[in-house]
Amino acid sequence: MLLQRYMIFVVLSLTVQDQQVEVNPATVTERQWVTMTCRTTCTLSGSPAFIWYKNKLPLSTTNMYNNYLQFTASSEDSGSYSCGVRGQTNLSSPAVTLSVRYAPKSTSVSVSPSGEIVEGSSVTLTCSSNANPPVQRYTWFKNSRAITSWRGSEQSYTIKDIKPSDSGEYYYAPKSTSVSVSPSGEIVEGGSVTLTCSSNANPPVQRYTWFKKSRAITSWRGSEQSYTIKDIKPSDSGEYYCEAVNGVGRGWSSHIPLNVQYAPKSTSVSVSPSGEIVEGGSVTLTCSSNANPPVHRYTWFKKNDTGVWQTGSGQSLNTY
């Protein structure tokens, strides 16, 4: 069963408050863009930081943006999600269950009995596949043609009183599709990275298609197994996956996150309070910068007629 690819913006609201809250479970299709939003009616001081949990385990911050969580849904994302406020262990939301629907993958055929098959004996071929919802119909092929003598849609196909004419190749759609990244390790702005799609299929894969956040990469022309990004930029960060197609069907890889690191840029200083500064007053200078990973050290400098020297550290500098 092949599911149509399309993108839907889904918002799941998780309400954090002292009272129990009813939250309806959400069902999405693989490769849809999902946004989960954590809301609270409680009064929180300062700028509260939210934390997300999946199956009661804290999530990494790769796709976390304070009070909302965004990702392209894959089969591995099914589970129970909740959120809370850092430092407030008694403030946590009820869990919401995310069920991700996906087309059959990791499809394979097993033969029983194994070993030599002798004329006149019986053999059973069993098709196994991982899908949500479960597979509804199976079709068997021999030498690229559907077996018309087989009526039904069962998982197993049994040949009784087997004959030499039953010999042949039994074909299957791409399975065990995966993406590898080269070079491995940190990816830095300006470098080059190659994504390679691997898949097991019979007949071999005829066409590969690359996707980023549920959309085909239209700038990539061709059907090659590898996709290279040269002079990589922060905008190239995201989740990538590939689709492998042969004459029988298609298979998709799991999602691979690409996180491009870059030095601080768009650095600026703001002054508070704004307007006129009067002698004897207090002024705060705040340095802002866009960087990945986030800036871990700020240094302040002051210039006068005799030169420039270091005058402080930290994101904000207070003068009196």
Protein backbone atom coordinates (compact mmCIF):
# COMPACT_ATOMS: atom_id res chain seq x y z
CA MET A 1 0.00 0.00 0.00
CA LEU A 2 1.45 3.35 -1.06
CA LEU A 3 0.38 6.45 0.82
CA GLN A 4 0.19 9.76 -1.06
CA ARG A 5 2.85 12.27 -0.06
CA TYR A 6 1.64 15.67 1.05
CA MET A 7 2.43 18.18 3.78
CA ILE A 8 0.02 19.30 6.51
CA PHE A 9 0.70 21.81 9.28
CA VAL A 10 -0.49 20.16 12.48
CA VAL A 11 -0.62 21.91 15.84
CA LEU A 12 -0.99 19.90 19.02
CA SER A 13 -1.69 22.08 22.04
CA LEU A 14 -0.37 20.78 25.35
CA THR A 15 -1.74 22.88 28.20
CA VAL A 16 0.37 23.16 31.36
CA GLN A 17 -1.66 24.10 34.41
CA ASP A 18 -2.49 22.86 37.88
CA GLN A 19 -5.69 21.11 36.72
CA GLN A 20 -5.87 17.98 34.58
CA VAL A 21 -6.46 18.81 30.92
CA GLU A 22 -8.08 16.66 28.22
CA VAL A 23 -5.96 16.44 25.05
CA ASN A 24 -7.15 14.59 21.95
CA PRO A 25 -4.56 12.24 20.32
CA ALA A 26 -3.42 13.29 16.84
CA THR A 27 -2.72 11.08 13.84
CA VAL A 28 -0.45 12.28 11.03
CA THR A 29 1.11 10.74 7.93
CA GLU A 30 4.85 10.21 7.55
CA ARG A 31 6.66 13.16 6.00
CA GLN A 32 4.08 15.67 7.26
CA TRP A 33 5.39 18.75 9.09
CA VAL A 34 4.31 18.70 12.74
CA THR A 35 4.28 21.51 15.29
CA MET A 36 3.57 20.85 18.96
CA THR A 37 2.87 23.92 21.11
CA CYS A 38 3.16 24.02 24.89
CA ARG A 39 0.90 26.60 26.57
CA THR A 40 0.48 27.55 30.21
CA THR A 41 -2.13 29.56 32.07
CA CYS A 42 0.13 29.80 35.10
CA THR A 43 1.98 32.98 35.99
CA LEU A 44 5.69 32.40 35.39
CA SER A 45 8.37 34.93 36.25
CA GLY A 46 11.10 35.96 33.84
CA SER A 47 11.52 34.09 30.57
CA PRO A 48 10.57 30.48 31.36
CA ALA A 49 12.32 27.67 29.50
CA PHE A 50 10.20 24.71 28.45
CA ILE A 51 11.33 21.11 28.26
CA TRP A 52 9.82 18.38 26.08
CA TYR A 53 9.47 14.67 26.81
CA LYS A 54 8.82 11.66 24.59
CA ASN A 55 7.74 8.50 26.39
CA LYS A 56 8.73 10.25 29.65
CA LEU A 57 12.33 10.80 28.48
CA PRO A 58 13.64 14.35 27.82
CA LEU A 59 14.20 15.23 24.16
CA SER A 60 17.31 16.88 22.77
CA THR A 61 17.05 20.50 21.66
CA THR A 62 17.73 19.84 17.96
CA ASN A 63 14.21 20.78 16.83
CA MET A 64 13.08 22.56 20.00
CA TYR A 65 12.20 26.25 19.98
CA ASN A 66 11.31 26.99 23.63
CA ASN A 67 7.55 26.45 23.84
CA TYR A 68 7.08 24.58 20.56
CA LEU A 69 8.55 21.48 18.95
CA GLN A 70 8.79 21.05 15.17
CA PHE A 71 9.78 18.09 13.03
CA THR A 72 8.94 16.16 9.89
CA ALA A 73 7.05 13.10 11.07
CA SER A 74 8.63 9.68 10.57
CA SER A 75 7.56 6.28 11.83
CA GLU A 76 10.05 6.55 14.70
CA ASP A 77 8.26 9.67 16.01
CA SER A 78 5.17 7.77 17.18
CA GLY A 79 4.87 7.95 20.95
CA SER A 80 3.63 9.87 23.97
CA TYR A 81 4.65 13.55 24.25
CA SER A 82 4.43 15.99 27.14
CA CYS A 83 6.03 19.27 28.14
CA GLY A 84 7.01 21.07 31.31
CA VAL A 85 8.78 24.14 32.63
CA ARG A 86 12.44 23.87 33.57
CA GLY A 87 12.92 24.16 37.30
CA GLN A 88 9.21 23.57 37.96
CA THR A 89 8.92 19.80 38.24
CA ASN A 90 5.35 20.09 39.52
CA LEU A 91 4.28 21.87 36.31
CA SER A 92 3.86 19.32 33.55
CA SER A 93 1.25 18.66 30.91
CA PRO A 94 -0.77 15.52 30.43
CA ALA A 95 0.66 13.33 27.68
CA VAL A 96 -0.60 13.46 24.09
CA THR A 97 -0.19 10.41 21.85
CA LEU A 98 1.17 10.91 18.35
CA SER A 99 0.46 8.06 15.92
CA VAL A 100 2.34 8.34 12.61
CA ARG A 101 0.86 6.53 9.62
CA TYR A 102 3.34 5.24 7.06
CA ALA A 103 3.46 3.09 3.94
CA PRO A 104 4.92 -0.43 4.07
CA LYS A 105 8.69 -0.50 4.60
CA SER A 106 11.40 -3.08 5.30
CA THR A 107 9.48 -5.51 3.09
CA SER A 108 11.06 -8.96 2.77
CA VAL A 109 10.23 -12.51 1.68
CA SER A 110 11.10 -15.69 3.55
CA VAL A 111 10.97 -19.23 2.16
CA SER A 112 9.85 -22.29 4.11
CA PRO A 113 11.28 -24.83 4.21
CA SER A 114 14.71 -23.34 3.61
CA GLY A 115 17.39 -25.18 1.68
CA GLU A 116 16.93 -27.18 -1.51
CA ILE A 117 13.48 -27.27 -3.09
CA VAL A 118 12.64 -30.60 -4.74
CA GLU A 119 10.04 -31.21 -7.46
CA GLY A 120 6.80 -32.52 -6.03
CA SER A 121 7.26 -30.92 -2.62
CA SER A 122 5.50 -27.89 -1.15
CA VAL A 123 6.98 -24.45 -0.46
CA THR A 124 5.54 -21.39 1.28
CA LEU A 125 6.67 -17.82 0.61
CA THR A 126 5.84 -15.34 3.37
CA CYS A 127 5.91 -11.57 2.89
CA SER A 128 6.75 -9.44 5.93
CA SER A 129 6.40 -5.67 6.10
CA ASN A 130 6.29 -2.90 8.69
CA ALA A 131 3.36 -0.50 8.19
CA ASN A 132 0.85 1.66 10.07
CA PRO A 133 -1.99 0.86 9.65
CA PRO A 134 -1.08 -2.80 9.03
CA VAL A 135 -0.82 -4.03 5.44
CA GLN A 136 -4.25 -4.72 3.93
CA ARG A 137 -3.26 -6.44 0.69
CA TYR A 138 -0.27 -8.34 -0.64
CA THR A 139 0.47 -9.01 -4.34
CA TRP A 140 2.91 -11.68 -5.47
CA PHE A 141 5.12 -11.41 -8.56
CA LYS A 142 7.18 -13.90 -10.52
CA ASN A 143 9.68 -12.65 -13.10
CA SER A 144 8.17 -9.13 -12.92
CA ARG A 145 4.61 -10.33 -13.53
CA ALA A 146 1.81 -10.57 -11.03
CA ILE A 147 0.85 -14.18 -10.30
CA THR A 148 -2.68 -14.17 -11.73
CA SER A 149 -3.34 -17.78 -10.70
CA TRP A 150 -3.10 -16.67 -7.07
CA ARG A 151 -6.43 -15.32 -5.87
CA GLY A 152 -6.42 -13.35 -2.66
CA SER A 153 -4.37 -10.84 -0.74
CA GLU A 154 -2.75 -13.00 1.89
CA GLN A 155 0.66 -12.62 3.46
CA SER A 156 1.74 -16.15 2.46
CA TYR A 157 1.80 -17.83 -0.94
CA THR A 158 2.04 -21.64 -0.99
CA ILE A 159 3.04 -23.68 -4.03
CA LYS A 160 1.98 -27.32 -3.71
CA ASP A 161 3.35 -30.16 -5.84
CA ILE A 162 6.04 -27.78 -7.04
CA LYS A 163 7.27 -28.11 -10.65
CA PRO A 164 10.39 -26.95 -12.51
CA SER A 165 8.22 -24.30 -14.20
CA ASP A 166 7.77 -22.67 -10.79
CA SER A 167 11.47 -21.74 -10.78
CA GLY A 168 12.19 -18.06 -11.23
CA GLU A 169 12.95 -14.80 -9.50
CA TYR A 170 10.42 -13.35 -7.13
CA TYR A 171 10.65 -9.57 -7.06
CA TYR A 172 10.21 -7.02 -4.29
CA ALA A 173 10.13 -3.24 -3.87
CA PRO A 174 13.09 -1.36 -2.34
CA LYS A 175 13.59 -2.16 1.34
CA SER A 176 16.07 -1.29 4.10
CA THR A 177 16.48 2.15 2.51
CA SER A 178 18.91 4.39 4.41
CA VAL A 179 20.94 7.60 4.09
CA SER A 180 24.60 8.04 5.02
CA VAL A 181 26.42 11.37 5.41
CA SER A 182 30.01 12.05 4.35
CA PRO A 183 32.09 13.38 5.93
CA SER A 184 30.68 12.35 9.29
CA GLY A 185 30.94 14.58 12.34
CA GLU A 186 30.43 18.34 12.53
CA ILE A 187 29.26 20.16 9.38
CA VAL A 188 30.64 23.70 9.13
CA GLU A 189 29.41 26.54 6.90
CA GLY A 190 31.33 26.72 3.62
CA GLY A 191 32.18 23.02 3.56
CA SER A 192 30.84 20.24 1.36
CA VAL A 193 28.68 17.28 2.35
CA THR A 194 27.44 14.25 0.39
CA LEU A 195 24.28 12.28 1.21
CA THR A 196 24.16 8.74 -0.19
CA CYS A 197 20.96 6.68 -0.47
CA SER A 198 21.28 2.90 -0.15
CA SER A 199 18.48 0.38 -0.74
CA ASN A 200 18.01 -3.35 -1.27
CA ALA A 201 15.71 -4.05 -4.22
CA ASN A 202 15.04 -6.62 -6.95
CA PRO A 203 15.16 -5.45 -9.69
CA PRO A 204 17.71 -2.79 -8.69
CA VAL A 205 16.58 0.75 -7.89
CA GLN A 206 15.87 2.72 -11.06
CA ARG A 207 15.37 6.18 -9.60
CA TYR A 208 16.22 8.07 -6.42
CA THR A 209 14.46 11.24 -5.27
CA TRP A 210 15.76 13.48 -2.48
CA PHE A 211 13.54 15.37 -0.03
CA LYS A 212 14.05 18.09 2.56
CA LYS A 213 11.23 18.71 5.07
CA SER A 214 8.67 16.76 3.00
CA ARG A 215 9.47 18.58 -0.25
CA ALA A 216 11.36 17.20 -3.22
CA ILE A 217 14.63 19.08 -3.78
CA THR A 218 13.81 20.68 -7.14
CA SER A 219 17.28 22.22 -7.51
CA TRP A 220 18.66 18.66 -7.79
CA ARG A 221 18.31 17.39 -11.35
CA GLY A 222 18.79 13.69 -11.91
CA SER A 223 18.10 10.38 -10.27
CA GLU A 224 21.46 9.58 -8.74
CA GLN A 225 22.16 7.70 -5.56
CA SER A 226 24.19 10.58 -4.05
CA TYR A 227 23.32 14.23 -3.44
CA THR A 228 26.18 16.68 -2.79
CA ILE A 229 25.79 20.13 -1.22
CA LYS A 230 28.78 22.38 -1.93
CA ASP A 231 29.57 25.61 -0.06
CA ILE A 232 26.99 24.58 2.54
CA LYS A 233 24.97 27.33 4.27
CA PRO A 234 22.94 27.55 7.50
CA SER A 235 19.78 27.48 5.37
CA ASP A 236 20.76 23.95 4.30
CA SER A 237 20.10 22.72 7.85
CA GLY A 238 17.07 20.45 8.11
CA GLU A 239 15.86 16.87 7.85
CA TYR A 240 16.64 14.96 4.66
CA TYR A 241 15.44 11.61 3.35
CA CYS A 242 15.41 9.73 0.05
CA GLU A 243 12.92 7.70 -1.97
CA ALA A 244 14.05 4.64 -3.95
CA VAL A 245 11.87 3.34 -6.82
CA ASN A 246 12.01 0.20 -8.96
CA GLY A 247 9.49 -1.54 -11.23
CA VAL A 248 7.73 -3.16 -8.28
CA GLY A 249 7.30 -0.27 -5.84
CA ARG A 250 9.12 2.25 -3.70
CA GLY A 251 10.73 2.63 -0.30
CA TRP A 252 11.74 5.57 1.88
CA SER A 253 14.64 6.09 4.23
CA SER A 254 14.31 7.42 7.76
CA HIS A 255 14.99 11.13 8.28
CA ILE A 256 18.57 12.34 8.71
CA PRO A 257 19.07 15.72 10.46
CA LEU A 258 21.69 18.03 8.94
CA ASN A 259 22.90 20.69 11.40
CA VAL A 260 25.18 23.32 9.83
CA GLN A 261 27.40 25.11 12.33
CA TYR A 262 28.54 28.68 11.72
CA ALA A 263 30.48 31.45 13.43
CA PRO A 264 28.66 34.41 15.03
CA LYS A 265 27.08 36.76 12.49
CA SER A 266 24.69 39.75 12.49
CA THR A 267 26.32 40.85 15.75
CA SER A 268 24.85 44.04 17.21
CA VAL A 269 24.73 46.06 20.44
CA SER A 270 21.58 47.54 22.00
CA VAL A 271 21.46 50.21 24.72
CA SER A 272 18.98 50.32 27.61
CA PRO A 273 17.47 52.69 28.46
CA SER A 274 17.35 54.22 24.99
CA GLY A 275 17.36 57.94 24.44
CA GLU A 276 19.47 60.48 26.27
CA ILE A 277 22.06 59.23 28.74
CA VAL A 278 22.59 61.50 31.74
CA GLU A 279 25.74 61.59 33.84
CA GLY A 280 25.36 59.53 37.00
CA GLY A 281 22.75 57.21 35.52
CA SER A 282 22.95 53.50 34.75
CA VAL A 283 23.22 51.99 31.26
CA THR A 284 23.11 48.37 30.10
CA LEU A 285 24.72 47.32 26.82
CA THR A 286 23.53 44.01 25.38
CA CYS A 287 25.32 42.10 22.63
CA SER A 288 23.19 39.95 20.30
CA SER A 289 24.52 37.50 17.74
CA ASN A 290 23.28 34.65 15.56
CA ALA A 291 25.49 31.55 15.84
CA ASN A 292 25.37 27.76 15.82
CA PRO A 293 26.28 26.49 18.34
CA PRO A 294 25.11 29.47 20.43
CA VAL A 295 27.71 32.02 21.53
CA HIS A 296 29.46 30.80 24.68
CA ARG A 297 31.65 33.84 25.37
CA TYR A 298 31.24 37.58 24.90
CA THR A 299 34.07 40.11 25.34
CA TRP A 300 33.56 43.87 25.57
CA PHE A 301 36.04 46.48 24.35
CA LYS A 302 36.26 50.22 24.90
CA LYS A 303 38.07 52.64 22.60
CA ASN A 304 39.44 56.06 23.49
CA ASP A 305 42.26 58.32 22.32
CA THR A 306 44.96 56.07 23.75
CA GLY A 307 43.78 52.83 22.14
CA VAL A 308 41.44 49.86 22.69
CA TRP A 309 41.35 47.59 25.72
CA GLN A 310 39.16 44.84 27.11
CA THR A 311 36.62 46.17 29.56
CA GLY A 312 34.27 43.28 30.39
CA SER A 313 32.72 39.95 29.50
CA GLY A 314 29.24 38.41 29.38
CA GLN A 315 26.36 39.16 27.03
CA SER A 316 25.39 42.34 28.91
CA LEU A 317 27.63 45.10 30.27
CA ASN A 318 26.38 47.43 33.00
CA THR A 319 27.92 50.87 33.45
CA TYR A 320 27.18 53.29 36.30
